[in-house]
N, C-alpha and C. Protein backbone atom coordinates (compact mmCIF):
# COMPACT_ATOMS: atom_id res chain seq x y z
N MET A 1 85.02 92.18 166.38
CA MET A 1 84.41 92.62 165.16
C MET A 1 85.58 93.59 164.13
N ILE A 2 86.47 94.19 165.35
CA ILE A 2 87.38 94.89 164.55
C ILE A 2 88.51 94.05 163.80
N LEU A 3 88.90 93.03 164.60
CA LEU A 3 89.49 91.94 164.01
C LEU A 3 89.27 91.71 162.97
N GLN A 4 88.20 90.96 163.02
CA GLN A 4 87.61 90.61 161.53
C GLN A 4 87.88 91.47 160.48
N ARG A 5 87.98 92.63 160.88
CA ARG A 5 87.75 93.61 159.58
C ARG A 5 89.34 94.00 158.96
N LYS A 6 89.97 93.65 160.43
CA LYS A 6 91.75 94.12 159.72
C LYS A 6 92.30 93.19 158.66
N PRO A 7 91.97 92.15 158.65
CA PRO A 7 92.31 91.46 157.31
C PRO A 7 91.83 92.06 155.71
N PHE A 8 90.61 92.24 155.84
CA PHE A 8 89.74 92.59 155.06
C PHE A 8 90.38 94.37 154.54
N MET A 9 90.71 95.02 155.57
CA MET A 9 90.90 96.33 155.39
C MET A 9 92.71 96.38 154.49
N ILE A 10 93.50 95.09 154.88
CA ILE A 10 94.53 95.02 154.58
C ILE A 10 94.33 94.81 153.08
N VAL A 11 93.50 93.76 152.31
CA VAL A 11 93.60 93.40 151.18
C VAL A 11 92.77 94.78 150.36
N VAL A 12 92.13 95.47 150.99
CA VAL A 12 91.56 96.88 150.13
C VAL A 12 92.80 97.63 150.01
N LEU A 13 93.45 97.74 150.80
CA LEU A 13 94.72 98.87 151.08
C LEU A 13 95.56 98.16 149.90
N MET A 14 96.07 96.72 149.76
CA MET A 14 97.09 96.45 148.65
C MET A 14 96.07 96.28 147.36
N CYS A 15 95.28 96.37 147.28
CA CYS A 15 94.68 96.24 145.99
C CYS A 15 94.65 97.68 145.28
N THR A 16 94.51 98.57 146.28
CA THR A 16 94.61 100.37 146.40
C THR A 16 95.57 100.43 145.62
N VAL A 17 96.93 100.08 146.45
CA VAL A 17 97.92 100.39 146.02
C VAL A 17 98.45 99.74 144.70
N PHE A 18 98.02 98.40 144.26
CA PHE A 18 98.47 97.69 143.27
C PHE A 18 97.72 98.64 142.06
N LEU A 19 96.62 99.14 142.16
CA LEU A 19 95.77 99.95 140.81
C LEU A 19 96.40 101.12 140.49
N VAL A 20 96.62 102.26 141.76
CA VAL A 20 97.42 103.07 141.96
C VAL A 20 99.04 103.01 141.04
N LEU A 21 99.67 102.12 141.79
CA LEU A 21 101.22 102.06 140.82
C LEU A 21 100.96 101.34 139.52
N HIS A 22 99.61 100.22 139.02
CA HIS A 22 99.43 100.01 137.63
C HIS A 22 98.92 101.33 136.97
N THR A 23 97.89 102.16 137.36
CA THR A 23 97.93 103.11 136.41
C THR A 23 99.26 104.17 136.62
N ALA A 24 99.82 104.54 137.48
CA ALA A 24 101.01 105.25 137.20
C ALA A 24 101.85 104.72 136.23
N PHE A 25 102.55 103.38 136.18
CA PHE A 25 103.39 103.16 135.49
C PHE A 25 102.95 102.00 134.36
N GLY A 26 101.70 101.67 134.69
CA GLY A 26 101.23 100.66 133.17
C GLY A 26 101.90 99.79 133.05
N GLU A 27 101.45 99.29 131.87
CA GLU A 27 102.13 97.95 131.50
C GLU A 27 103.38 98.16 130.55
N GLU A 28 104.05 97.00 130.46
CA GLU A 28 104.95 97.51 129.80
C GLU A 28 104.84 97.92 128.24
N GLN A 29 105.55 98.79 127.61
CA GLN A 29 105.38 99.30 126.21
C GLN A 29 106.19 98.50 125.26
N VAL A 30 105.61 97.77 124.37
CA VAL A 30 106.20 96.63 123.70
C VAL A 30 106.03 97.13 121.97
N LEU A 31 107.16 96.79 121.56
CA LEU A 31 107.02 97.32 120.00
C LEU A 31 107.46 95.69 119.27
N GLN A 32 106.76 95.41 118.59
CA GLN A 32 107.49 93.96 117.71
C GLN A 32 107.15 94.37 116.26
N LYS A 33 107.76 93.49 115.44
CA LYS A 33 107.67 93.45 114.38
C LYS A 33 106.45 92.86 113.75
N THR A 34 105.76 93.42 112.62
CA THR A 34 104.80 93.11 112.22
C THR A 34 104.82 92.90 110.28
N LYS A 35 103.81 92.69 109.62
CA LYS A 35 104.10 92.31 108.44
C LYS A 35 103.29 93.65 107.54
N LYS A 36 102.54 94.70 108.45
CA LYS A 36 102.07 95.28 107.63
C LYS A 36 102.59 96.85 107.72
N ALA A 37 102.97 97.15 106.21
CA ALA A 37 103.44 98.58 106.22
C ALA A 37 102.19 99.92 106.58
N ALA A 38 103.24 101.13 106.91
CA ALA A 38 102.00 101.75 107.17
C ALA A 38 101.95 103.28 106.12
N VAL A 39 101.29 103.90 105.61
CA VAL A 39 101.17 105.05 104.48
C VAL A 39 101.83 106.09 104.79
N VAL A 40 102.59 106.44 104.70
CA VAL A 40 103.48 107.95 105.14
C VAL A 40 102.39 109.27 104.24
N ASP A 41 101.55 109.39 104.78
CA ASP A 41 100.33 110.62 104.02
C ASP A 41 100.20 111.52 105.07
N GLY A 42 100.27 111.76 105.80
CA GLY A 42 100.22 112.58 106.88
C GLY A 42 98.75 112.22 107.63
N VAL A 43 98.25 111.11 107.92
CA VAL A 43 96.81 110.60 108.07
C VAL A 43 96.87 109.38 109.08
N VAL A 44 96.86 109.30 110.06
CA VAL A 44 96.85 108.42 110.93
C VAL A 44 95.53 107.52 110.68
N GLN A 45 95.55 106.25 110.10
CA GLN A 45 94.34 105.38 110.03
C GLN A 45 94.17 104.69 111.56
N PRO A 46 92.97 104.27 111.77
CA PRO A 46 92.40 103.30 112.80
C PRO A 46 93.50 102.02 112.15
N ASN A 47 93.96 101.31 113.04
CA ASN A 47 94.65 100.06 112.76
C ASN A 47 95.98 99.96 111.80
N GLU A 48 96.18 101.26 111.50
CA GLU A 48 97.54 101.52 110.42
C GLU A 48 98.94 101.06 111.39
N TYR A 49 99.06 101.12 112.65
CA TYR A 49 100.22 101.31 113.15
C TYR A 49 99.58 100.20 114.66
N SER A 50 101.18 99.32 114.56
CA SER A 50 101.08 98.33 115.53
C SER A 50 101.08 98.63 117.21
N PHE A 51 101.86 99.83 117.30
CA PHE A 51 102.14 100.56 118.37
C PHE A 51 101.37 102.00 118.96
N THR A 52 100.64 102.00 119.81
CA THR A 52 100.13 103.40 120.38
C THR A 52 100.29 103.98 121.78
N TYR A 53 100.94 105.38 121.91
CA TYR A 53 100.95 105.58 123.03
C TYR A 53 100.44 107.24 122.83
N GLU A 54 99.43 107.26 123.70
CA GLU A 54 98.70 108.59 123.83
C GLU A 54 99.06 109.32 125.28
N ALA A 55 99.26 110.34 125.02
CA ALA A 55 99.32 111.30 126.20
C ALA A 55 98.72 112.61 125.87
N ASP A 56 98.67 113.49 127.08
CA ASP A 56 97.93 114.61 126.83
C ASP A 56 98.57 115.44 125.71
N GLU A 57 97.80 115.75 124.79
CA GLU A 57 97.73 116.63 123.77
C GLU A 57 99.01 115.99 122.59
N ILE A 58 99.29 114.48 122.92
CA ILE A 58 100.59 114.31 121.91
C ILE A 58 100.19 113.03 121.82
N ASN A 59 100.33 112.14 120.61
CA ASN A 59 100.17 110.88 120.44
C ASN A 59 101.17 110.50 119.49
N LEU A 60 101.87 109.34 119.89
CA LEU A 60 103.13 108.47 118.86
C LEU A 60 102.51 107.29 118.57
N TYR A 61 102.71 107.16 117.49
CA TYR A 61 102.26 105.55 116.71
C TYR A 61 103.48 104.66 116.22
N LEU A 62 104.06 103.81 116.11
CA LEU A 62 105.05 103.19 115.71
C LEU A 62 104.48 101.92 114.84
N ASN A 63 105.15 101.64 113.74
CA ASN A 63 104.92 100.42 113.19
C ASN A 63 106.28 99.80 112.89
N TRP A 64 106.97 98.50 112.96
CA TRP A 64 107.69 97.93 112.43
C TRP A 64 108.03 96.81 111.70
N ILE A 65 108.21 97.12 110.14
CA ILE A 65 108.46 95.83 109.55
C ILE A 65 109.66 95.46 108.86
N GLN A 66 109.91 94.38 108.53
CA GLN A 66 111.51 93.94 107.86
C GLN A 66 112.22 95.02 107.12
N GLY A 67 113.00 95.99 107.52
CA GLY A 67 113.59 96.91 106.66
C GLY A 67 113.00 98.15 106.80
N LYS A 68 111.99 98.62 107.74
CA LYS A 68 111.66 99.91 107.74
C LYS A 68 111.09 100.22 109.15
N LEU A 69 111.07 101.42 109.99
CA LEU A 69 110.30 101.49 110.75
C LEU A 69 109.40 103.21 110.76
N TYR A 70 108.44 102.83 111.23
CA TYR A 70 107.34 103.87 110.72
C TYR A 70 107.01 104.99 112.09
N ALA A 71 106.97 105.82 111.78
CA ALA A 71 106.67 106.92 113.30
C ALA A 71 105.63 107.76 112.74
N ALA A 72 104.48 108.07 113.79
CA ALA A 72 103.62 109.20 113.36
C ALA A 72 103.55 109.81 114.61
N ILE A 73 103.22 111.60 115.06
CA ILE A 73 103.09 112.40 115.80
C ILE A 73 102.24 112.94 115.79
N ILE A 74 100.78 112.81 116.27
CA ILE A 74 99.83 113.69 116.22
C ILE A 74 99.95 114.87 117.42
N ALA A 75 100.17 115.89 117.20
CA ALA A 75 100.02 117.09 118.61
C ALA A 75 98.73 117.97 118.39
N ASP A 76 98.43 118.47 119.49
CA ASP A 76 97.44 119.53 119.72
C ASP A 76 98.31 121.04 119.28
N THR A 77 98.76 121.10 118.32
CA THR A 77 99.39 122.54 117.83
C THR A 77 99.26 122.91 116.01
N ASN A 78 99.45 124.03 116.16
CA ASN A 78 99.74 124.51 114.69
C ASN A 78 101.27 124.68 114.41
N GLY A 79 102.14 124.52 115.40
CA GLY A 79 103.30 124.62 115.36
C GLY A 79 104.34 123.55 115.18
N TRP A 80 105.07 123.27 115.67
CA TRP A 80 106.00 122.11 115.26
C TRP A 80 105.89 120.87 116.46
N VAL A 81 106.25 119.66 115.40
CA VAL A 81 106.25 118.55 116.22
C VAL A 81 107.57 117.86 115.82
N GLY A 82 108.07 117.13 116.74
CA GLY A 82 109.41 116.40 116.74
C GLY A 82 109.31 114.93 117.34
N ILE A 83 110.34 114.07 116.77
CA ILE A 83 110.37 113.16 117.72
C ILE A 83 112.10 112.64 117.62
N GLY A 84 112.52 112.47 118.75
CA GLY A 84 114.08 111.70 118.63
C GLY A 84 114.15 110.21 118.76
N PHE A 85 114.82 109.73 118.68
CA PHE A 85 115.50 108.46 118.54
C PHE A 85 116.45 108.18 119.37
N ASN A 86 116.85 107.00 120.12
CA ASN A 86 118.19 106.76 120.90
C ASN A 86 118.46 107.65 122.05
N SER A 87 117.54 108.03 122.77
CA SER A 87 117.91 109.10 123.82
C SER A 87 116.51 109.53 124.20
N GLN A 88 116.47 109.24 125.67
CA GLN A 88 115.50 109.77 126.31
C GLN A 88 115.48 111.44 126.76
N LYS A 89 116.33 111.76 126.44
CA LYS A 89 116.63 113.30 126.51
C LYS A 89 117.44 113.97 125.22
N MET A 90 117.20 115.21 124.73
CA MET A 90 117.30 115.58 123.32
C MET A 90 119.13 115.78 123.36
N ASN A 91 119.84 115.57 124.18
CA ASN A 91 121.25 115.41 123.95
C ASN A 91 121.52 114.08 123.30
N ASP A 92 121.74 113.92 122.08
CA ASP A 92 122.21 112.72 121.32
C ASP A 92 121.21 112.00 120.44
N ALA A 93 119.88 112.55 120.50
CA ALA A 93 119.00 112.12 119.87
C ALA A 93 118.81 112.39 118.61
N ASP A 94 118.58 111.39 117.91
CA ASP A 94 118.15 111.38 116.16
C ASP A 94 116.91 111.92 116.29
N ILE A 95 116.84 113.39 115.75
CA ILE A 95 115.82 114.40 115.61
C ILE A 95 114.90 114.25 114.61
N LEU A 96 113.92 113.85 114.53
CA LEU A 96 113.18 114.63 112.91
C LEU A 96 112.11 115.70 113.79
N ILE A 97 112.12 116.86 112.58
CA ILE A 97 111.11 117.80 113.41
C ILE A 97 110.43 118.63 112.30
N GLY A 98 109.46 119.25 112.39
CA GLY A 98 108.91 119.61 110.94
C GLY A 98 107.38 120.33 111.45
N TYR A 99 107.32 121.73 110.73
CA TYR A 99 106.34 122.31 110.57
C TYR A 99 105.59 122.62 109.53
N VAL A 100 104.27 122.94 109.48
CA VAL A 100 103.61 123.75 108.50
C VAL A 100 103.05 124.89 108.36
N LYS A 101 103.72 125.83 107.48
CA LYS A 101 103.18 127.05 107.75
C LYS A 101 102.91 127.68 105.87
N GLY A 102 101.62 127.88 106.02
CA GLY A 102 101.19 128.73 104.76
C GLY A 102 100.83 127.76 103.68
N GLY A 103 100.65 126.17 104.45
CA GLY A 103 100.49 125.00 103.27
C GLY A 103 101.60 124.73 103.03
N GLU A 104 103.26 125.30 103.16
CA GLU A 104 104.73 124.36 102.47
C GLU A 104 104.84 124.07 103.93
N THR A 105 105.30 122.81 103.81
CA THR A 105 106.25 121.73 104.77
C THR A 105 107.48 122.61 105.12
N SER A 106 107.83 122.11 106.12
CA SER A 106 109.44 122.52 106.21
C SER A 106 110.19 121.36 107.40
N PHE A 107 111.00 120.75 107.28
CA PHE A 107 111.44 119.57 107.80
C PHE A 107 112.96 119.61 107.77
N GLN A 108 113.52 118.80 108.97
CA GLN A 108 115.11 118.93 109.25
C GLN A 108 114.96 117.37 109.87
N GLU A 109 116.48 116.97 109.43
CA GLU A 109 116.77 115.56 110.43
C GLU A 109 118.09 116.32 111.02
N GLN A 110 117.97 115.99 112.46
CA GLN A 110 119.06 116.78 113.33
C GLN A 110 119.46 115.86 114.17
N ILE A 111 120.44 116.10 114.90
CA ILE A 111 120.78 115.37 116.14
C ILE A 111 120.99 116.40 117.21
N GLY A 112 120.65 116.08 118.16
CA GLY A 112 120.83 116.81 119.67
C GLY A 112 122.01 117.14 120.39
N LYS A 113 122.24 118.12 120.55
CA LYS A 113 123.83 118.48 120.96
C LYS A 113 123.49 119.32 122.55
N GLY A 114 123.20 118.71 123.64
CA GLY A 114 123.09 119.64 124.59
C GLY A 114 121.64 120.02 124.93
N HIS A 115 120.96 121.29 124.87
CA HIS A 115 119.60 121.38 124.78
C HIS A 115 119.56 122.03 123.14
N LYS A 116 120.30 121.86 122.48
CA LYS A 116 120.01 122.66 120.95
C LYS A 116 120.27 121.12 119.78
N HIS A 117 120.07 121.31 118.59
CA HIS A 117 120.26 120.45 117.74
C HIS A 117 120.66 121.06 116.69
N ARG A 118 121.23 120.38 115.54
CA ARG A 118 122.36 120.63 114.62
C ARG A 118 122.08 119.81 113.40
N ASP A 119 122.24 120.04 112.26
CA ASP A 119 122.14 118.81 111.05
C ASP A 119 123.02 117.70 111.20
N LYS A 120 122.07 116.50 110.87
CA LYS A 120 122.95 115.55 111.39
C LYS A 120 123.44 114.70 109.90
N ASP A 121 124.67 114.03 110.23
CA ASP A 121 125.59 113.86 108.82
C ASP A 121 125.12 112.54 108.33
N LEU A 122 124.83 111.49 109.12
CA LEU A 122 123.93 110.39 108.17
C LEU A 122 122.66 110.31 108.47
N PRO A 123 121.88 110.84 107.58
CA PRO A 123 120.57 110.87 107.66
C PRO A 123 119.80 109.07 107.65
N TYR A 124 118.71 108.68 107.84
CA TYR A 124 118.21 107.71 108.04
C TYR A 124 116.78 107.45 107.53
N LEU A 125 116.45 108.72 107.07
CA LEU A 125 114.92 109.18 106.48
C LEU A 125 114.72 108.50 105.41
N LYS A 126 113.84 107.90 105.21
CA LYS A 126 113.33 107.25 103.34
C LYS A 126 112.17 108.35 103.31
N SER A 127 111.09 108.96 103.85
CA SER A 127 110.00 109.35 103.53
C SER A 127 109.41 110.21 104.75
N PHE A 128 108.77 111.27 104.20
CA PHE A 128 108.15 111.73 105.28
C PHE A 128 106.95 112.49 104.85
N SER A 129 105.89 113.10 106.17
CA SER A 129 104.32 113.59 105.49
C SER A 129 104.38 114.57 106.50
N LEU A 130 103.76 115.75 106.30
CA LEU A 130 103.42 116.83 107.17
C LEU A 130 102.28 116.87 106.78
N LYS A 131 100.97 117.41 107.85
CA LYS A 131 99.82 117.71 107.60
C LYS A 131 99.10 118.55 108.60
N GLU A 132 98.60 119.37 108.23
CA GLU A 132 98.61 120.73 109.92
C GLU A 132 96.71 120.88 109.51
N SER A 133 95.74 120.73 110.18
CA SER A 133 94.28 120.50 110.07
C SER A 133 93.88 120.60 111.72
N GLY A 134 92.67 121.59 111.68
CA GLY A 134 91.75 121.53 112.87
C GLY A 134 92.46 121.55 114.29
N GLY A 135 93.82 122.30 114.20
CA GLY A 135 94.55 122.57 115.59
C GLY A 135 95.33 121.22 115.72
N LYS A 136 95.60 120.60 114.86
CA LYS A 136 96.34 119.76 115.22
C LYS A 136 97.68 119.37 113.92
N THR A 137 98.74 119.06 114.37
CA THR A 137 99.97 118.60 113.43
C THR A 137 100.23 117.62 113.53
N THR A 138 100.41 116.63 112.15
CA THR A 138 100.88 115.18 112.14
C THR A 138 102.15 115.16 111.42
N LEU A 139 102.94 114.74 112.16
CA LEU A 139 104.28 114.05 111.08
C LEU A 139 104.22 112.45 111.21
N GLU A 140 104.46 112.15 109.87
CA GLU A 140 104.94 110.42 109.71
C GLU A 140 105.93 110.65 108.70
N VAL A 141 106.85 109.34 109.43
CA VAL A 141 108.26 109.25 108.64
C VAL A 141 108.13 107.79 108.38
N GLU A 142 108.94 107.65 107.49
CA GLU A 142 109.41 105.96 106.88
C GLU A 142 111.10 106.24 107.14
N LEU A 143 111.42 105.05 108.11
CA LEU A 143 112.98 105.07 108.51
C LEU A 143 113.75 103.80 107.93
N ILE A 144 115.02 103.56 107.51
CA ILE A 144 115.71 102.58 107.52
C ILE A 144 115.55 101.98 109.16
N ASP A 145 115.13 101.08 109.49
CA ASP A 145 115.17 100.45 110.47
C ASP A 145 116.53 100.03 111.20
N ASN A 146 117.16 99.29 110.40
CA ASN A 146 118.75 99.06 111.24
C ASN A 146 119.32 100.02 111.47
N LEU A 147 119.48 101.09 110.81
CA LEU A 147 120.00 102.64 110.97
C LEU A 147 119.31 103.37 112.19
N VAL A 148 118.24 103.12 112.81
CA VAL A 148 117.51 103.11 113.89
C VAL A 148 117.60 102.13 114.99
N ILE A 149 117.30 101.12 114.90
CA ILE A 149 117.38 99.90 115.70
C ILE A 149 118.59 99.14 115.57
N LYS A 150 119.79 99.14 116.34
CA LYS A 150 120.68 98.70 116.13
C LYS A 150 120.84 97.19 116.43
N THR A 151 121.56 95.96 116.14
CA THR A 151 121.27 94.88 116.30
C THR A 151 121.75 94.39 117.90
N GLY A 152 120.66 93.51 118.15
CA GLY A 152 121.00 93.49 120.05
C GLY A 152 119.99 94.30 120.76
N GLN A 153 119.53 95.25 119.80
CA GLN A 153 119.41 96.59 120.80
C GLN A 153 117.49 95.89 121.24
N LYS A 154 117.79 96.00 122.84
CA LYS A 154 116.55 95.45 123.59
C LYS A 154 114.97 96.78 123.85
N THR A 155 115.96 98.07 123.95
CA THR A 155 114.70 99.34 123.98
C THR A 155 115.10 100.06 123.22
N LEU A 156 114.09 100.68 122.80
CA LEU A 156 114.06 101.99 121.93
C LEU A 156 113.95 103.30 122.79
N PRO A 157 114.88 104.01 123.20
CA PRO A 157 114.47 105.32 124.00
C PRO A 157 114.04 106.32 122.75
N ILE A 158 113.10 106.91 123.06
CA ILE A 158 112.17 107.77 121.85
C ILE A 158 111.84 109.10 122.89
N ILE A 159 111.84 110.13 122.38
CA ILE A 159 111.31 111.44 122.83
C ILE A 159 110.53 112.08 122.19
N ILE A 160 109.36 112.74 122.42
CA ILE A 160 108.51 113.54 121.29
C ILE A 160 108.13 114.66 122.08
N ALA A 161 108.02 115.63 121.26
CA ALA A 161 107.58 116.64 121.72
C ALA A 161 106.94 117.87 120.52
N PHE A 162 106.24 118.93 120.92
CA PHE A 162 106.13 120.09 120.22
C PHE A 162 105.96 121.37 120.79
N GLY A 163 105.98 122.24 119.99
CA GLY A 163 105.71 123.64 120.13
C GLY A 163 104.81 124.58 119.72
N ASP A 164 104.65 125.88 119.72
CA ASP A 164 103.66 126.63 119.18
C ASP A 164 104.05 127.33 118.00
N ALA A 165 105.21 127.49 117.66
CA ALA A 165 105.89 128.35 116.62
C ALA A 165 106.06 127.56 115.65
N ASP A 166 105.96 128.06 114.53
CA ASP A 166 106.43 127.28 113.08
C ASP A 166 108.25 127.73 113.11
N SER A 167 108.96 126.68 113.87
CA SER A 167 110.20 127.49 113.99
C SER A 167 111.06 126.19 114.31
N PHE A 168 112.30 126.02 113.77
CA PHE A 168 113.06 125.23 114.39
C PHE A 168 113.91 125.10 115.74
N SER A 169 113.67 126.49 116.46
CA SER A 169 114.76 126.62 117.00
C SER A 169 113.68 127.31 118.39
N SER A 170 112.45 127.25 118.11
CA SER A 170 111.24 127.56 119.43
C SER A 170 111.32 126.21 120.67
N TYR A 171 111.27 126.85 121.75
CA TYR A 171 110.99 126.17 123.03
C TYR A 171 109.59 124.94 122.81
N HIS A 172 110.16 123.73 123.25
CA HIS A 172 108.87 122.70 123.42
C HIS A 172 107.73 123.36 124.20
N ARG A 173 106.50 123.30 124.33
CA ARG A 173 105.35 123.24 125.09
C ARG A 173 105.06 122.08 125.57
N VAL A 174 105.17 120.88 125.09
CA VAL A 174 104.85 119.56 126.01
C VAL A 174 106.27 118.60 125.48
N LYS A 175 106.93 117.61 126.08
CA LYS A 175 107.91 116.97 125.85
C LYS A 175 107.31 115.64 126.85
N LYS A 176 107.69 114.21 125.86
CA LYS A 176 107.70 112.89 126.49
C LYS A 176 108.49 112.31 126.13
N SER A 177 109.27 111.65 127.32
CA SER A 177 110.11 110.41 127.17
C SER A 177 109.89 108.98 127.37
N LEU A 178 109.91 107.95 126.59
CA LEU A 178 109.75 106.73 126.58
C LEU A 178 110.73 105.71 126.29
N ALA A 179 110.81 104.73 126.96
CA ALA A 179 111.80 103.69 126.60
C ALA A 179 110.82 102.46 126.20
N ILE A 180 110.98 101.92 124.75
CA ILE A 180 110.01 101.18 124.23
C ILE A 180 110.79 99.73 124.29
N ALA A 181 109.87 98.45 124.32
CA ALA A 181 110.93 97.58 124.68
C ALA A 181 110.55 96.95 123.15
N LEU A 182 111.69 96.08 122.42
CA LEU A 182 111.63 95.60 121.22
C LEU A 182 111.06 93.99 121.15
N LYS A 183 110.84 93.64 120.37
CA LYS A 183 110.44 92.32 120.39
C LYS A 183 110.27 91.38 118.76
N LYS A 184 111.23 91.27 118.38
CA LYS A 184 111.54 90.67 117.27
C LYS A 184 110.26 89.52 116.66
């Protein structure tokens, strides 16, 4: 009887390991070109973006069409939100960061240098929108795609983060790094 249960136990163990690994690492995240543009208005509508990444307290949305890359971040904060492209660390990332204070928006396009950032020489932003409502801050941007995604690039490293202060220099409360596969 014990010998008959052993193959069954091995199958159960293998299935459990598969489910744990699949849950921990998930499926490959892929961003592919679409034909539908997003609207940069500070409000993410259902089905507006073709790519969604949801994490605790922060969500990322992407849409890539010919000539444009759209990105949106929604974070559980009344402080700043930011996204960085082409690095999974702050260093060398092309950073877009902003906040809303007293109904006025503040926004900067930066380049990461070590654990800090400074003004970027060659911006690639076309438009942006920032909104703060109900304890959440939303940043939506429209970018020139070939300045963000280089010819032949197979993955797009991204960092997303937010902090609790209305400041460009305060430390983040939450940060996430992703490497998103690109499919034309």
